[in-house]
């Protein structure tokens, strides 16, 4: 039953009525077979009660435009300080903070001279920042209140705090210095747990890294396509749990590549350490690439096919390992 007019049918007239009540014709698509609704069918790809699609587009352009101007400044500031900034995005509970803590500990051996710092985003509490600080790395907590994502001005202010006298981004155990020029530094920005809003907000980062745990379901790349389309890398985390969950690794990879054909994919467990070497290698490459600006040639068709085949084999191997582990526990 329609809560506005009281009608209770799936006629074309009712569908038009729903569209009108949504604020504008053709904003919502109605599946005539089952009544499913899609409120992102308009030009703005979002429905706001009482707001036209044109107005929604204009507001988004104004807000994101203001944000992006600060993001450009952030990017220039990062470059001036020799910083490679990575924006870690995911749903809540994917293991971002656990991965960060494991990464910081691993980098102490893998790259002992590397400066590492973290900006932590959450609606409330400083729990995650405290976990990061316990590793010896500096961290600034940014609480957003009702906000569902970090924005470029928030990151700008947090970065300034990191570079204050008390929170300077330096490697644990190394002398305090103001590094510029060729000195390399790594800044992890752990965004608010949310697979929707952070996708469109540029923070000035070198890349977005989408973290997906095997406890969430392999269909997430299609459910939240904007996020995975915006990410350079997808980290498939918690693979140590594969024997205990129903998760199709090969299908997840296929769906992610359907959304973003160029997305890179790593499989790891921040808890057991499996796959961490590949993650550290990816970080090495990101730092070198961003600071030396090497232009890599586009992969040939054969190279792309080989990469796809490697990913497929890795997925099959992970599935086989999971099956063997399951058999061993019986």
C-alpha atoms as a PDB file:
ATOM      1  CA  UNK A   1       0.000   0.000   0.000  1.00  0.00           C
ATOM      2  CA  UNK A   2       1.233   3.480  -0.881  1.00  0.00           C
ATOM      3  CA  UNK A   3       1.628   5.538   2.296  1.00  0.00           C
ATOM      4  CA  UNK A   4       0.778   8.717   0.366  1.00  0.00           C
ATOM      5  CA  UNK A   5      -2.392   7.942  -1.542  1.00  0.00           C
ATOM      6  CA  UNK A   6      -3.472   4.587  -0.105  1.00  0.00           C
ATOM      7  CA  UNK A   7      -3.492   2.722  -3.428  1.00  0.00           C
ATOM      8  CA  UNK A   8      -2.256  -0.855  -3.528  1.00  0.00           C
ATOM      9  CA  UNK A   9      -1.496  -1.922  -7.065  1.00  0.00           C
ATOM     10  CA  UNK A  10       1.437  -2.304  -9.416  1.00  0.00           C
ATOM     11  CA  UNK A  11      -0.137  -0.514 -12.341  1.00  0.00           C
ATOM     12  CA  UNK A  12       1.757   1.847 -14.624  1.00  0.00           C
ATOM     13  CA  UNK A  13      -0.270   4.704 -13.138  1.00  0.00           C
ATOM     14  CA  UNK A  14       0.909   3.791  -9.645  1.00  0.00           C
ATOM     15  CA  UNK A  15       4.510   3.585 -10.848  1.00  0.00           C
ATOM     16  CA  UNK A  16       4.197   7.104 -12.259  1.00  0.00           C
ATOM     17  CA  UNK A  17       2.710   8.241  -8.948  1.00  0.00           C
ATOM     18  CA  UNK A  18       5.702   6.846  -7.030  1.00  0.00           C
ATOM     19  CA  UNK A  19       8.049   8.639  -9.400  1.00  0.00           C
ATOM     20  CA  UNK A  20       6.210  11.911  -8.889  1.00  0.00           C
ATOM     21  CA  UNK A  21       6.242  11.565  -5.108  1.00  0.00           C
ATOM     22  CA  UNK A  22       9.977  10.886  -5.259  1.00  0.00           C
ATOM     23  CA  UNK A  23      10.380  14.476  -6.437  1.00  0.00           C
ATOM     24  CA  UNK A  24      10.791  14.223 -10.191  1.00  0.00           C
ATOM     25  CA  UNK A  25       9.663  12.003 -13.047  1.00  0.00           C
ATOM     26  CA  UNK A  26      12.049   9.165 -13.974  1.00  0.00           C
ATOM     27  CA  UNK A  27      14.049   9.508 -10.750  1.00  0.00           C
ATOM     28  CA  UNK A  28      13.006   6.023  -9.678  1.00  0.00           C
ATOM     29  CA  UNK A  29      12.751   2.950 -11.867  1.00  0.00           C
ATOM     30  CA  UNK A  30      10.167   0.327 -10.965  1.00  0.00           C
ATOM     31  CA  UNK A  31      10.657  -3.274 -12.018  1.00  0.00           C
ATOM     32  CA  UNK A  32       7.215  -4.297 -13.354  1.00  0.00           C
ATOM     33  CA  UNK A  33       7.914  -7.945 -12.595  1.00  0.00           C
ATOM     34  CA  UNK A  34       8.634  -7.778  -8.870  1.00  0.00           C
ATOM     35  CA  UNK A  35       8.189  -4.144  -7.839  1.00  0.00           C
ATOM     36  CA  UNK A  36      11.870  -3.536  -7.040  1.00  0.00           C
ATOM     37  CA  UNK A  37      12.782   0.151  -6.910  1.00  0.00           C
ATOM     38  CA  UNK A  38      15.934   1.893  -8.118  1.00  0.00           C
ATOM     39  CA  UNK A  39      16.225   5.465  -6.835  1.00  0.00           C
ATOM     40  CA  UNK A  40      19.511   6.131  -8.610  1.00  0.00           C
ATOM     41  CA  UNK A  41      18.067   6.178 -12.106  1.00  0.00           C
ATOM     42  CA  UNK A  42      18.073   9.958 -12.509  1.00  0.00           C
ATOM     43  CA  UNK A  43      20.838  12.137 -13.847  1.00  0.00           C
ATOM     44  CA  UNK A  44      22.123  12.842 -10.324  1.00  0.00           C
ATOM     45  CA  UNK A  45      22.102   9.101  -9.466  1.00  0.00           C
ATOM     46  CA  UNK A  46      20.516   9.968  -6.133  1.00  0.00           C
ATOM     47  CA  UNK A  47      17.018  10.856  -4.926  1.00  0.00           C
ATOM     48  CA  UNK A  48      16.568  13.638  -2.365  1.00  0.00           C
ATOM     49  CA  UNK A  49      12.977  14.384  -1.256  1.00  0.00           C
ATOM     50  CA  UNK A  50      11.816  17.739  -2.595  1.00  0.00           C
ATOM     51  CA  UNK A  51      14.983  18.327  -4.636  1.00  0.00           C
ATOM     52  CA  UNK A  52      15.246  18.215  -8.403  1.00  0.00           C
ATOM     53  CA  UNK A  53      17.952  16.231 -10.128  1.00  0.00           C
ATOM     54  CA  UNK A  54      19.445  19.436 -11.527  1.00  0.00           C
ATOM     55  CA  UNK A  55      19.658  20.971  -8.061  1.00  0.00           C
ATOM     56  CA  UNK A  56      21.215  17.802  -6.627  1.00  0.00           C
ATOM     57  CA  UNK A  57      23.844  17.838  -9.362  1.00  0.00           C
ATOM     58  CA  UNK A  58      24.595  21.494  -8.724  1.00  0.00           C
ATOM     59  CA  UNK A  59      24.945  20.992  -4.968  1.00  0.00           C
ATOM     60  CA  UNK A  60      27.236  18.026  -5.455  1.00  0.00           C
ATOM     61  CA  UNK A  61      29.361  19.996  -7.909  1.00  0.00           C
ATOM     62  CA  UNK A  62      29.626  22.918  -5.489  1.00  0.00           C
ATOM     63  CA  UNK A  63      30.466  20.786  -2.449  1.00  0.00           C
ATOM     64  CA  UNK A  64      32.879  18.456  -4.199  1.00  0.00           C
ATOM     65  CA  UNK A  65      34.434  21.403  -6.029  1.00  0.00           C
ATOM     66  CA  UNK A  66      35.274  23.096  -2.740  1.00  0.00           C
ATOM     67  CA  UNK A  67      36.620  19.813  -1.375  1.00  0.00           C
ATOM     68  CA  UNK A  68      38.689  19.115  -4.477  1.00  0.00           C
ATOM     69  CA  UNK A  69      40.400  22.491  -4.289  1.00  0.00           C
ATOM     70  CA  UNK A  70      41.690  21.566  -0.840  1.00  0.00           C
ATOM     71  CA  UNK A  71      42.578  18.084  -2.110  1.00  0.00           C
ATOM     72  CA  UNK A  72      44.818  19.668  -4.752  1.00  0.00           C
ATOM     73  CA  UNK A  73      46.551  21.629  -1.997  1.00  0.00           C
ATOM     74  CA  UNK A  74      46.905  18.465   0.089  1.00  0.00           C
ATOM     75  CA  UNK A  75      48.463  16.623  -2.839  1.00  0.00           C
ATOM     76  CA  UNK A  76      50.981  19.420  -3.372  1.00  0.00           C
ATOM     77  CA  UNK A  77      51.743  19.513   0.357  1.00  0.00           C
ATOM     78  CA  UNK A  78      52.279  15.760   0.469  1.00  0.00           C
ATOM     79  CA  UNK A  79      54.638  15.954  -2.491  1.00  0.00           C
ATOM     80  CA  UNK A  80      56.577  18.804  -0.883  1.00  0.00           C
ATOM     81  CA  UNK A  81      57.062  16.666   2.231  1.00  0.00           C
ATOM     82  CA  UNK A  82      57.949  13.523   0.269  1.00  0.00           C
ATOM     83  CA  UNK A  83      54.767  11.791   1.412  1.00  0.00           C
ATOM     84  CA  UNK A  84      52.870   9.040  -0.364  1.00  0.00           C
ATOM     85  CA  UNK A  85      49.314   9.102   1.012  1.00  0.00           C
ATOM     86  CA  UNK A  86      47.041   6.080   0.705  1.00  0.00           C
ATOM     87  CA  UNK A  87      43.310   6.266   1.434  1.00  0.00           C
ATOM     88  CA  UNK A  88      42.136   2.989   2.992  1.00  0.00           C
ATOM     89  CA  UNK A  89      38.414   2.463   2.458  1.00  0.00           C
ATOM     90  CA  UNK A  90      36.126  -0.397   3.442  1.00  0.00           C
ATOM     91  CA  UNK A  91      33.022  -1.347   5.346  1.00  0.00           C
ATOM     92  CA  UNK A  92      33.260  -1.533   9.156  1.00  0.00           C
ATOM     93  CA  UNK A  93      35.014  -4.632  10.449  1.00  0.00           C
ATOM     94  CA  UNK A  94      37.052  -5.439   7.348  1.00  0.00           C
ATOM     95  CA  UNK A  95      40.279  -5.368   9.348  1.00  0.00           C
ATOM     96  CA  UNK A  96      41.743  -2.008   8.281  1.00  0.00           C
ATOM     97  CA  UNK A  97      43.262  -1.166  11.654  1.00  0.00           C
ATOM     98  CA  UNK A  98      44.586  -4.680  12.199  1.00  0.00           C
ATOM     99  CA  UNK A  99      46.183  -4.548   8.757  1.00  0.00           C
ATOM    100  CA  UNK A 100      47.718  -1.158   9.524  1.00  0.00           C
ATOM    101  CA  UNK A 101      49.192  -2.341  12.816  1.00  0.00           C
ATOM    102  CA  UNK A 102      50.637  -5.452  11.145  1.00  0.00           C
ATOM    103  CA  UNK A 103      51.986  -3.320   8.282  1.00  0.00           C
ATOM    104  CA  UNK A 104      53.694  -0.840  10.598  1.00  0.00           C
ATOM    105  CA  UNK A 105      55.340  -3.676  12.524  1.00  0.00           C
ATOM    106  CA  UNK A 106      56.470  -5.353   9.295  1.00  0.00           C
ATOM    107  CA  UNK A 107      57.872  -2.101   7.907  1.00  0.00           C
ATOM    108  CA  UNK A 108      60.151  -1.742  10.929  1.00  0.00           C
ATOM    109  CA  UNK A 109      62.130  -4.647   9.481  1.00  0.00           C
ATOM    110  CA  UNK A 110      61.283  -4.325   5.803  1.00  0.00           C
ATOM    111  CA  UNK A 111      61.981  -0.579   5.540  1.00  0.00           C
ATOM    112  CA  UNK A 112      63.442   0.648   8.851  1.00  0.00           C
ATOM    113  CA  UNK A 113      64.149   4.142   7.539  1.00  0.00           C
ATOM    114  CA  UNK A 114      60.664   4.739   6.204  1.00  0.00           C
ATOM    115  CA  UNK A 115      58.612   7.457   7.887  1.00  0.00           C
ATOM    116  CA  UNK A 116      55.103   6.160   8.625  1.00  0.00           C
ATOM    117  CA  UNK A 117      52.097   7.996  10.049  1.00  0.00           C
ATOM    118  CA  UNK A 118      48.350   7.436  10.188  1.00  0.00           C
ATOM    119  CA  UNK A 119      45.241   9.612  10.086  1.00  0.00           C
ATOM    120  CA  UNK A 120      42.342   7.694  11.638  1.00  0.00           C
ATOM    121  CA  UNK A 121      38.732   8.440  10.699  1.00  0.00           C
ATOM    122  CA  UNK A 122      35.737   7.376  12.804  1.00  0.00           C
ATOM    123  CA  UNK A 123      32.489   8.938  13.901  1.00  0.00           C
ATOM    124  CA  UNK A 124      33.455   8.654  17.574  1.00  0.00           C
ATOM    125  CA  UNK A 125      36.225   7.398  19.943  1.00  0.00           C
ATOM    126  CA  UNK A 126      40.004   7.287  19.614  1.00  0.00           C
ATOM    127  CA  UNK A 127      40.269   3.511  19.926  1.00  0.00           C
ATOM    128  CA  UNK A 128      41.907   2.969  16.538  1.00  0.00           C
ATOM    129  CA  UNK A 129      44.377   5.847  16.885  1.00  0.00           C
ATOM    130  CA  UNK A 130      45.430   4.419  20.257  1.00  0.00           C
ATOM    131  CA  UNK A 131      46.051   1.027  18.640  1.00  0.00           C
ATOM    132  CA  UNK A 132      48.245   2.682  16.009  1.00  0.00           C
ATOM    133  CA  UNK A 133      50.182   4.719  18.583  1.00  0.00           C
ATOM    134  CA  UNK A 134      50.893   1.512  20.494  1.00  0.00           C
ATOM    135  CA  UNK A 135      53.038   0.398  17.520  1.00  0.00           C
ATOM    136  CA  UNK A 136      55.192   3.505  17.906  1.00  0.00           C
ATOM    137  CA  UNK A 137      53.850   5.273  14.821  1.00  0.00           C
ATOM    138  CA  UNK A 138      52.259   8.722  15.165  1.00  0.00           C
ATOM    139  CA  UNK A 139      48.526   8.883  14.594  1.00  0.00           C
ATOM    140  CA  UNK A 140      45.896  11.609  14.634  1.00  0.00           C
ATOM    141  CA  UNK A 141      42.257  10.680  15.272  1.00  0.00           C
ATOM    142  CA  UNK A 142      39.606  12.539  13.281  1.00  0.00           C
ATOM    143  CA  UNK A 143      36.083  12.102  14.635  1.00  0.00           C
ATOM    144  CA  UNK A 144      33.420  13.107  12.130  1.00  0.00           C
ATOM    145  CA  UNK A 145      30.356  13.127  14.405  1.00  0.00           C
ATOM    146  CA  UNK A 146      27.425  12.401  12.129  1.00  0.00           C
ATOM    147  CA  UNK A 147      29.672  12.555   9.082  1.00  0.00           C
ATOM    148  CA  UNK A 148      30.099   9.314   7.151  1.00  0.00           C
ATOM    149  CA  UNK A 149      33.472  10.044   5.529  1.00  0.00           C
ATOM    150  CA  UNK A 150      36.637  12.087   5.766  1.00  0.00           C
ATOM    151  CA  UNK A 151      37.006  15.128   3.523  1.00  0.00           C
ATOM    152  CA  UNK A 152      40.048  17.018   2.260  1.00  0.00           C
ATOM    153  CA  UNK A 153      39.870  19.859   4.842  1.00  0.00           C
ATOM    154  CA  UNK A 154      39.777  17.294   7.676  1.00  0.00           C
ATOM    155  CA  UNK A 155      42.869  15.590   6.278  1.00  0.00           C
ATOM    156  CA  UNK A 156      44.611  18.938   5.831  1.00  0.00           C
ATOM    157  CA  UNK A 157      44.120  19.818   9.494  1.00  0.00           C
ATOM    158  CA  UNK A 158      45.118  16.340  10.661  1.00  0.00           C
ATOM    159  CA  UNK A 159      48.276  16.412   8.549  1.00  0.00           C
ATOM    160  CA  UNK A 160      49.190  19.756  10.090  1.00  0.00           C
ATOM    161  CA  UNK A 161      48.855  18.135  13.527  1.00  0.00           C
ATOM    162  CA  UNK A 162      51.105  15.271  12.444  1.00  0.00           C
ATOM    163  CA  UNK A 163      53.717  17.818  11.434  1.00  0.00           C
ATOM    164  CA  UNK A 164      53.498  19.772  14.659  1.00  0.00           C
ATOM    165  CA  UNK A 165      56.307  19.389  17.153  1.00  0.00           C
ATOM    166  CA  UNK A 166      54.516  16.701  19.172  1.00  0.00           C
ATOM    167  CA  UNK A 167      53.093  14.583  16.339  1.00  0.00           C
ATOM    168  CA  UNK A 168      55.690  14.792  13.601  1.00  0.00           C
ATOM    169  CA  UNK A 169      55.473  11.881  11.157  1.00  0.00           C
ATOM    170  CA  UNK A 170      58.714  10.015  11.734  1.00  0.00           C
ATOM    171  CA  UNK A 171      59.717   6.407  11.826  1.00  0.00           C
ATOM    172  CA  UNK A 172      59.555   4.855  15.292  1.00  0.00           C
ATOM    173  CA  UNK A 173      62.997   4.870  16.892  1.00  0.00           C
ATOM    174  CA  UNK A 174      64.392   7.464  14.507  1.00  0.00           C
ATOM    175  CA  UNK A 175      65.468  11.002  15.237  1.00  0.00           C
ATOM    176  CA  UNK A 176      62.987  13.813  14.861  1.00  0.00           C
ATOM    177  CA  UNK A 177      63.611  15.776  11.696  1.00  0.00           C
ATOM    178  CA  UNK A 178      61.590  17.778   9.200  1.00  0.00           C
ATOM    179  CA  UNK A 179      62.060  15.705   6.074  1.00  0.00           C
ATOM    180  CA  UNK A 180      61.521  17.243   2.674  1.00  0.00           C
ATOM    181  CA  UNK A 181      62.685  16.697  -0.873  1.00  0.00           C
ATOM    182  CA  UNK A 182      63.730  13.134  -1.597  1.00  0.00           C
ATOM    183  CA  UNK A 183      62.962  11.716   1.863  1.00  0.00           C
ATOM    184  CA  UNK A 184      60.191   9.162   1.577  1.00  0.00           C
ATOM    185  CA  UNK A 185      57.266   9.029   3.954  1.00  0.00           C
ATOM    186  CA  UNK A 186      54.129   6.928   3.999  1.00  0.00           C
ATOM    187  CA  UNK A 187      50.809   8.297   5.225  1.00  0.00           C
ATOM    188  CA  UNK A 188      47.915   5.910   5.730  1.00  0.00           C
ATOM    189  CA  UNK A 189      44.499   7.555   5.872  1.00  0.00           C
ATOM    190  CA  UNK A 190      42.029   5.106   7.408  1.00  0.00           C
ATOM    191  CA  UNK A 191      38.654   6.388   6.283  1.00  0.00           C
ATOM    192  CA  UNK A 192      35.363   5.961   8.120  1.00  0.00           C
ATOM    193  CA  UNK A 193      33.966   2.465   7.610  1.00  0.00           C
ATOM    194  CA  UNK A 194      31.602   3.014   4.685  1.00  0.00           C
ATOM    195  CA  UNK A 195      31.545   1.611   1.147  1.00  0.00           C
ATOM    196  CA  UNK A 196      29.427   4.459  -0.264  1.00  0.00           C
ATOM    197  CA  UNK A 197      30.339   8.086   0.475  1.00  0.00           C
ATOM    198  CA  UNK A 198      34.162   7.934   0.612  1.00  0.00           C
ATOM    199  CA  UNK A 199      34.253   6.811  -3.024  1.00  0.00           C
ATOM    200  CA  UNK A 200      33.711  10.321  -4.417  1.00  0.00           C
ATOM    201  CA  UNK A 201      35.747  12.343  -1.915  1.00  0.00           C
ATOM    202  CA  UNK A 202      39.290  13.140  -3.022  1.00  0.00           C
ATOM    203  CA  UNK A 203      41.557  13.639  -0.003  1.00  0.00           C
ATOM    204  CA  UNK A 204      44.694  14.340  -2.004  1.00  0.00           C
ATOM    205  CA  UNK A 205      45.774  10.707  -1.794  1.00  0.00           C
ATOM    206  CA  UNK A 206      47.950   8.878  -4.283  1.00  0.00           C
ATOM    207  CA  UNK A 207      45.488   5.987  -4.397  1.00  0.00           C
ATOM    208  CA  UNK A 208      42.432   4.477  -2.771  1.00  0.00           C
ATOM    209  CA  UNK A 209      42.895   0.981  -1.371  1.00  0.00           C
ATOM    210  CA  UNK A 210      39.635  -0.930  -0.928  1.00  0.00           C
ATOM    211  CA  UNK A 211      39.805  -3.596   1.764  1.00  0.00           C
ATOM    212  CA  UNK A 212      37.281  -6.422   1.584  1.00  0.00           C
ATOM    213  CA  UNK A 213      37.229  -9.275   4.078  1.00  0.00           C
ATOM    214  CA  UNK A 214      36.084 -12.771   3.181  1.00  0.00           C
ATOM    215  CA  UNK A 215      33.442 -12.529   5.908  1.00  0.00           C
ATOM    216  CA  UNK A 216      31.515  -9.893   3.941  1.00  0.00           C
ATOM    217  CA  UNK A 217      30.500 -11.739   0.772  1.00  0.00           C
ATOM    218  CA  UNK A 218      31.996 -11.858  -2.707  1.00  0.00           C
ATOM    219  CA  UNK A 219      29.234  -9.715  -4.242  1.00  0.00           C
ATOM    220  CA  UNK A 220      30.361  -6.444  -2.623  1.00  0.00           C
ATOM    221  CA  UNK A 221      32.108  -5.056  -5.761  1.00  0.00           C
ATOM    222  CA  UNK A 222      28.802  -5.120  -7.652  1.00  0.00           C
ATOM    223  CA  UNK A 223      26.750  -3.873  -4.706  1.00  0.00           C
ATOM    224  CA  UNK A 224      29.083  -0.909  -4.184  1.00  0.00           C
ATOM    225  CA  UNK A 225      30.580  -0.346  -7.647  1.00  0.00           C
ATOM    226  CA  UNK A 226      31.628   3.286  -7.179  1.00  0.00           C
ATOM    227  CA  UNK A 227      34.063   2.358  -4.430  1.00  0.00           C
ATOM    228  CA  UNK A 228      35.752  -0.452  -6.316  1.00  0.00           C
ATOM    229  CA  UNK A 229      35.803   1.582  -9.520  1.00  0.00           C
ATOM    230  CA  UNK A 230      37.661   4.346  -7.665  1.00  0.00           C
ATOM    231  CA  UNK A 231      40.211   2.022  -6.024  1.00  0.00           C
ATOM    232  CA  UNK A 232      43.599   1.196  -7.481  1.00  0.00           C
ATOM    233  CA  UNK A 233      43.957  -1.878  -5.281  1.00  0.00           C
ATOM    234  CA  UNK A 234      41.569  -4.330  -3.649  1.00  0.00           C
ATOM    235  CA  UNK A 235      42.983  -6.134  -0.624  1.00  0.00           C
ATOM    236  CA  UNK A 236      41.105  -9.349   0.060  1.00  0.00           C
ATOM    237  CA  UNK A 237      41.668  -9.700   3.794  1.00  0.00           C
ATOM    238  CA  UNK A 238      41.114 -12.454   6.381  1.00  0.00           C
ATOM    239  CA  UNK A 239      41.852 -15.289   3.952  1.00  0.00           C
ATOM    240  CA  UNK A 240      42.762 -17.412   6.976  1.00  0.00           C
ATOM    241  CA  UNK A 241      38.998 -17.640   7.558  1.00  0.00           C
ATOM    242  CA  UNK A 242      38.217 -19.117   4.134  1.00  0.00           C
ATOM    243  CA  UNK A 243      37.793 -22.650   5.541  1.00  0.00           C
ATOM    244  CA  UNK A 244      35.056 -21.347   7.825  1.00  0.00           C
ATOM    245  CA  UNK A 245      33.001 -19.125   5.513  1.00  0.00           C
ATOM    246  CA  UNK A 246      31.225 -19.431   2.197  1.00  0.00           C
ATOM    247  CA  UNK A 247      33.221 -17.081  -0.011  1.00  0.00           C
ATOM    248  CA  UNK A 248      33.970 -17.591  -3.700  1.00  0.00           C
ATOM    249  CA  UNK A 249      37.361 -15.931  -4.254  1.00  0.00           C
ATOM    250  CA  UNK A 250      37.305 -16.373  -8.030  1.00  0.00           C
ATOM    251  CA  UNK A 251      33.840 -14.833  -8.319  1.00  0.00           C
ATOM    252  CA  UNK A 252      34.850 -11.894  -6.127  1.00  0.00           C
ATOM    253  CA  UNK A 253      37.855 -11.185  -8.345  1.00  0.00           C
ATOM    254  CA  UNK A 254      35.719 -11.504 -11.467  1.00  0.00           C
ATOM    255  CA  UNK A 255      33.131  -9.062 -10.143  1.00  0.00           C
ATOM    256  CA  UNK A 256      35.788  -6.578  -9.064  1.00  0.00           C
ATOM    257  CA  UNK A 257      37.343  -6.667 -12.540  1.00  0.00           C
ATOM    258  CA  UNK A 258      33.914  -6.294 -14.109  1.00  0.00           C
ATOM    259  CA  UNK A 259      33.564  -3.001 -12.241  1.00  0.00           C
ATOM    260  CA  UNK A 260      37.198  -1.947 -12.632  1.00  0.00           C
ATOM    261  CA  UNK A 261      39.200  -3.903 -15.252  1.00  0.00           C
ATOM    262  CA  UNK A 262      42.508  -2.373 -14.120  1.00  0.00           C
ATOM    263  CA  UNK A 263      42.125  -2.913 -10.381  1.00  0.00           C
ATOM    264  CA  UNK A 264      45.010  -4.722  -8.709  1.00  0.00           C
ATOM    265  CA  UNK A 265      44.147  -7.474  -6.235  1.00  0.00           C
ATOM    266  CA  UNK A 266      46.055  -8.898  -3.286  1.00  0.00           C
ATOM    267  CA  UNK A 267      44.992 -11.700  -0.974  1.00  0.00           C
ATOM    268  CA  UNK A 268      46.318 -11.696   2.574  1.00  0.00           C
ATOM    269  CA  UNK A 269      45.703 -12.310   6.233  1.00  0.00           C
ATOM    270  CA  UNK A 270      46.793  -9.515   8.534  1.00  0.00           C
ATOM    271  CA  UNK A 271      46.457 -11.967  11.433  1.00  0.00           C
ATOM    272  CA  UNK A 272      48.623 -14.847  10.172  1.00  0.00           C
ATOM    273  CA  UNK A 273      50.885 -12.804   7.883  1.00  0.00           C
ATOM    274  CA  UNK A 274      50.064 -14.794   4.752  1.00  0.00           C
ATOM    275  CA  UNK A 275      50.366 -12.532   1.696  1.00  0.00           C
ATOM    276  CA  UNK A 276      51.955  -9.659   3.624  1.00  0.00           C
ATOM    277  CA  UNK A 277      55.131  -9.778   1.513  1.00  0.00           C
ATOM    278  CA  UNK A 278      53.115  -8.983  -1.608  1.00  0.00           C
ATOM    279  CA  UNK A 279      51.440  -6.079   0.213  1.00  0.00           C
ATOM    280  CA  UNK A 280      54.813  -4.674   1.307  1.00  0.00           C
ATOM    281  CA  UNK A 281      56.085  -5.003  -2.253  1.00  0.00           C
ATOM    282  CA  UNK A 282      53.045  -3.086  -3.495  1.00  0.00           C
ATOM    283  CA  UNK A 283      53.768  -0.326  -0.980  1.00  0.00           C
ATOM    284  CA  UNK A 284      57.398  -0.190  -2.172  1.00  0.00           C
ATOM    285  CA  UNK A 285      56.212   0.222  -5.739  1.00  0.00           C
ATOM    286  CA  UNK A 286      53.684   2.902  -4.793  1.00  0.00           C
ATOM    287  CA  UNK A 287      56.278   4.990  -3.000  1.00  0.00           C
ATOM    288  CA  UNK A 288      58.786   4.678  -5.827  1.00  0.00           C
ATOM    289  CA  UNK A 289      56.179   5.351  -8.505  1.00  0.00           C
ATOM    290  CA  UNK A 290      54.667   8.399  -6.826  1.00  0.00           C
ATOM    291  CA  UNK A 291      57.986  10.081  -6.048  1.00  0.00           C
ATOM    292  CA  UNK A 292      59.824   9.389  -9.278  1.00  0.00           C
ATOM    293  CA  UNK A 293      56.837   9.664 -11.596  1.00  0.00           C
ATOM    294  CA  UNK A 294      57.875   6.826 -13.880  1.00  0.00           C
ATOM    295  CA  UNK A 295      55.403   6.354 -16.690  1.00  0.00           C
ATOM    296  CA  UNK A 296      54.607   2.684 -17.087  1.00  0.00           C
ATOM    297  CA  UNK A 297      53.518   1.481 -20.508  1.00  0.00           C
ATOM    298  CA  UNK A 298      50.006   0.134 -20.744  1.00  0.00           C
ATOM    299  CA  UNK A 299      49.962  -3.663 -20.555  1.00  0.00           C
ATOM    300  CA  UNK A 300      49.562  -5.504 -23.827  1.00  0.00           C
ATOM    301  CA  UNK A 301      46.638  -7.797 -24.482  1.00  0.00           C
ATOM    302  CA  UNK A 302      48.842 -10.828 -23.753  1.00  0.00           C
ATOM    303  CA  UNK A 303      50.070  -9.295 -20.488  1.00  0.00           C
ATOM    304  CA  UNK A 304      46.505  -8.547 -19.435  1.00  0.00           C
ATOM    305  CA  UNK A 305      45.456 -12.086 -20.249  1.00  0.00           C
ATOM    306  CA  UNK A 306      48.408 -13.443 -18.275  1.00  0.00           C
ATOM    307  CA  UNK A 307      47.518 -11.294 -15.261  1.00  0.00           C
ATOM    308  CA  UNK A 308      43.934 -12.499 -15.422  1.00  0.00           C
ATOM    309  CA  UNK A 309      45.123 -16.101 -15.616  1.00  0.00           C
ATOM    310  CA  UNK A 310      47.439 -15.603 -12.636  1.00  0.00           C
ATOM    311  CA  UNK A 311      44.581 -14.131 -10.617  1.00  0.00           C
ATOM    312  CA  UNK A 312      42.366 -17.045 -11.590  1.00  0.00           C
ATOM    313  CA  UNK A 313      45.017 -19.566 -10.537  1.00  0.00           C
ATOM    314  CA  UNK A 314      45.563 -17.723  -7.253  1.00  0.00           C
ATOM    315  CA  UNK A 315      41.829 -17.867  -6.592  1.00  0.00           C
ATOM    316  CA  UNK A 316      41.738 -21.594  -7.370  1.00  0.00           C
ATOM    317  CA  UNK A 317      44.750 -22.153  -5.104  1.00  0.00           C
ATOM    318  CA  UNK A 318      43.086 -20.276  -2.244  1.00  0.00           C
ATOM    319  CA  UNK A 319      39.943 -22.327  -2.714  1.00  0.00           C
ATOM    320  CA  UNK A 320      41.949 -25.574  -2.747  1.00  0.00           C
ATOM    321  CA  UNK A 321      43.791 -24.556   0.424  1.00  0.00           C
ATOM    322  CA  UNK A 322      40.484 -23.800   2.089  1.00  0.00           C
ATOM    323  CA  UNK A 323      39.123 -27.224   1.101  1.00  0.00           C
ATOM    324  CA  UNK A 324      42.238 -28.975   2.418  1.00  0.00           C
ATOM    325  CA  UNK A 325      42.037 -27.073   5.685  1.00  0.00           C
ATOM    326  CA  UNK A 326      38.380 -27.972   6.034  1.00  0.00           C
ATOM    327  CA  UNK A 327      39.138 -31.670   5.397  1.00  0.00           C
ATOM    328  CA  UNK A 328      41.936 -31.567   7.976  1.00  0.00           C
ATOM    329  CA  UNK A 329      39.561 -30.365  10.668  1.00  0.00           C
ATOM    330  CA  UNK A 330      37.036 -33.151  10.072  1.00  0.00           C
END
